[in-house]
Amino acid sequence: MSEVTKAVYERTFDISGLRYVIIKNVMNEQTGKLIKDLLYTSERSIPWPGKYGQRDSWEWNTPEYQALLGTRLGKLVAYLVLGSYERGKRRIARIITYRTGDSPWPHMRFDIEDTPVS
């Protein structure tokens, strides 16, 4: 699926310019359940659905980031990044979750950037 996504994207744009992958209205049950039931809890003081326009950032290599990347949708974006760039050159730096309007479905934004030189 990631190869198809890459091919469709490259029909119009240069893949080297890809900075964000946005998934609106996450209806995948596994991913939606993780977002709503594990990340947005009263224990974390960030209940779902949160405030309109509130965006929560899950930074690279945190447990929340790893959990989101391990979902079906997270894996799709990870495969897209792994298959589109030379190994070690680009990474998903953070994953943003949010909602808009009256939609009950969460949205996700994957921020893609150059891998920092160490």
Protein backbone atom coordinates (compact mmCIF):
# COMPACT_ATOMS: atom_id res chain seq x y z
CA MET A 1 0.00 0.00 0.00
CA SER A 2 2.83 2.42 0.78
CA GLU A 3 4.27 1.89 -2.72
CA VAL A 4 0.89 2.74 -4.24
CA THR A 5 0.65 5.83 -2.02
CA LYS A 6 4.13 6.89 -3.10
CA ALA A 7 3.33 6.34 -6.79
CA VAL A 8 0.13 8.38 -6.58
CA TYR A 9 1.91 11.20 -4.75
CA GLU A 10 4.78 11.25 -7.25
CA ARG A 11 2.40 11.64 -10.18
CA THR A 12 1.94 15.25 -9.07
CA PHE A 13 4.70 16.09 -6.58
CA ASP A 14 8.36 15.38 -5.90
CA ILE A 15 8.61 13.01 -2.93
CA SER A 16 11.62 14.92 -1.61
CA GLY A 17 9.28 17.80 -0.73
CA LEU A 18 6.97 15.69 1.43
CA ARG A 19 6.84 17.21 4.93
CA TYR A 20 3.47 16.07 6.29
CA VAL A 21 1.11 13.15 5.93
CA ILE A 22 -2.36 14.03 7.20
CA ILE A 23 -5.02 11.43 7.85
CA LYS A 24 -8.42 13.00 8.40
CA ASN A 25 -11.31 11.23 10.06
CA VAL A 26 -9.45 8.22 11.41
CA MET A 27 -12.05 5.47 11.18
CA ASN A 28 -9.65 2.56 11.56
CA GLU A 29 -10.94 0.93 14.74
CA GLN A 30 -7.54 0.03 16.19
CA THR A 31 -6.02 3.46 15.66
CA GLY A 32 -9.12 5.38 16.74
CA LYS A 33 -9.46 3.30 19.90
CA LEU A 34 -5.82 3.88 20.81
CA ILE A 35 -6.16 7.63 20.30
CA LYS A 36 -9.42 7.96 22.22
CA ASP A 37 -8.96 5.38 24.98
CA LEU A 38 -5.23 5.32 25.69
CA LEU A 39 -3.93 8.79 24.88
CA TYR A 40 -6.91 10.91 25.90
CA THR A 41 -7.75 9.92 29.44
CA SER A 42 -8.68 11.75 32.60
CA GLU A 43 -5.53 10.32 34.19
CA ARG A 44 -3.49 12.24 31.63
CA SER A 45 -5.66 15.34 32.10
CA ILE A 46 -6.39 15.45 28.36
CA PRO A 47 -9.87 14.00 27.91
CA TRP A 48 -11.25 13.31 24.44
CA PRO A 49 -12.40 15.15 22.45
CA GLY A 50 -10.42 18.04 23.87
CA LYS A 51 -10.92 21.65 22.91
CA TYR A 52 -11.74 22.60 19.34
CA GLY A 53 -8.49 23.10 17.49
CA GLN A 54 -6.38 21.56 20.27
CA ARG A 55 -3.43 19.71 18.82
CA ASP A 56 -1.41 17.28 20.87
CA SER A 57 2.12 16.46 19.84
CA TRP A 58 3.62 13.03 20.46
CA GLU A 59 7.37 13.40 20.00
CA TRP A 60 9.80 10.96 18.44
CA ASN A 61 10.66 7.90 20.51
CA THR A 62 8.17 8.54 23.36
CA PRO A 63 5.88 5.65 24.38
CA GLU A 64 2.85 7.45 22.89
CA TYR A 65 4.67 8.05 19.59
CA GLN A 66 5.72 4.39 19.45
CA ALA A 67 2.15 3.25 20.14
CA LEU A 68 0.76 5.46 17.35
CA LEU A 69 3.48 4.35 14.94
CA GLY A 70 2.60 0.72 15.74
CA THR A 71 -1.00 1.10 14.58
CA ARG A 72 -2.09 0.10 11.10
CA LEU A 73 -2.13 3.72 9.92
CA GLY A 74 1.17 4.53 11.63
CA LYS A 75 2.83 1.57 9.92
CA LEU A 76 1.53 2.71 6.53
CA VAL A 77 3.19 6.11 6.95
CA ALA A 78 6.37 4.51 8.33
CA TYR A 79 6.56 2.20 5.30
CA LEU A 80 6.04 5.19 3.01
CA VAL A 81 8.97 7.02 4.62
CA LEU A 82 11.21 3.94 4.69
CA GLY A 83 10.48 3.14 1.05
CA SER A 84 10.77 6.69 -0.27
CA TYR A 85 14.11 7.88 1.06
CA GLU A 86 17.63 6.64 1.48
CA ARG A 87 17.86 4.81 4.77
CA GLY A 88 18.61 7.08 7.72
CA LYS A 89 17.98 10.35 5.83
CA ARG A 90 14.36 11.14 6.82
CA ARG A 91 12.20 10.29 9.80
CA ILE A 92 8.77 10.86 11.29
CA ALA A 93 9.72 13.42 13.93
CA ARG A 94 6.36 13.66 15.67
CA ILE A 95 2.74 12.65 15.37
CA ILE A 96 0.02 15.23 16.03
CA THR A 97 -3.51 14.17 16.99
CA TYR A 98 -6.48 16.53 16.93
CA ARG A 99 -10.10 16.97 16.01
CA THR A 100 -11.97 19.65 14.14
CA GLY A 101 -15.54 20.86 14.17
CA ASP A 102 -18.21 18.47 15.33
CA SER A 103 -16.56 15.40 13.83
CA PRO A 104 -16.32 12.53 16.31
CA TRP A 105 -13.31 11.16 14.42
CA PRO A 106 -9.74 12.08 15.32
CA HIS A 107 -7.23 13.32 12.76
CA MET A 108 -3.50 12.60 12.61
CA ARG A 109 -0.56 14.51 11.17
CA PHE A 110 2.81 12.85 10.70
CA ASP A 111 5.66 15.38 10.53
CA ILE A 112 8.50 14.22 8.27
CA GLU A 113 11.92 15.83 8.51
CA ASP A 114 15.59 15.20 7.87
CA THR A 115 17.24 12.96 10.43
CA PRO A 116 19.48 15.02 12.71
CA VAL A 117 23.19 14.45 12.19
CA SER A 118 24.79 13.02 15.29
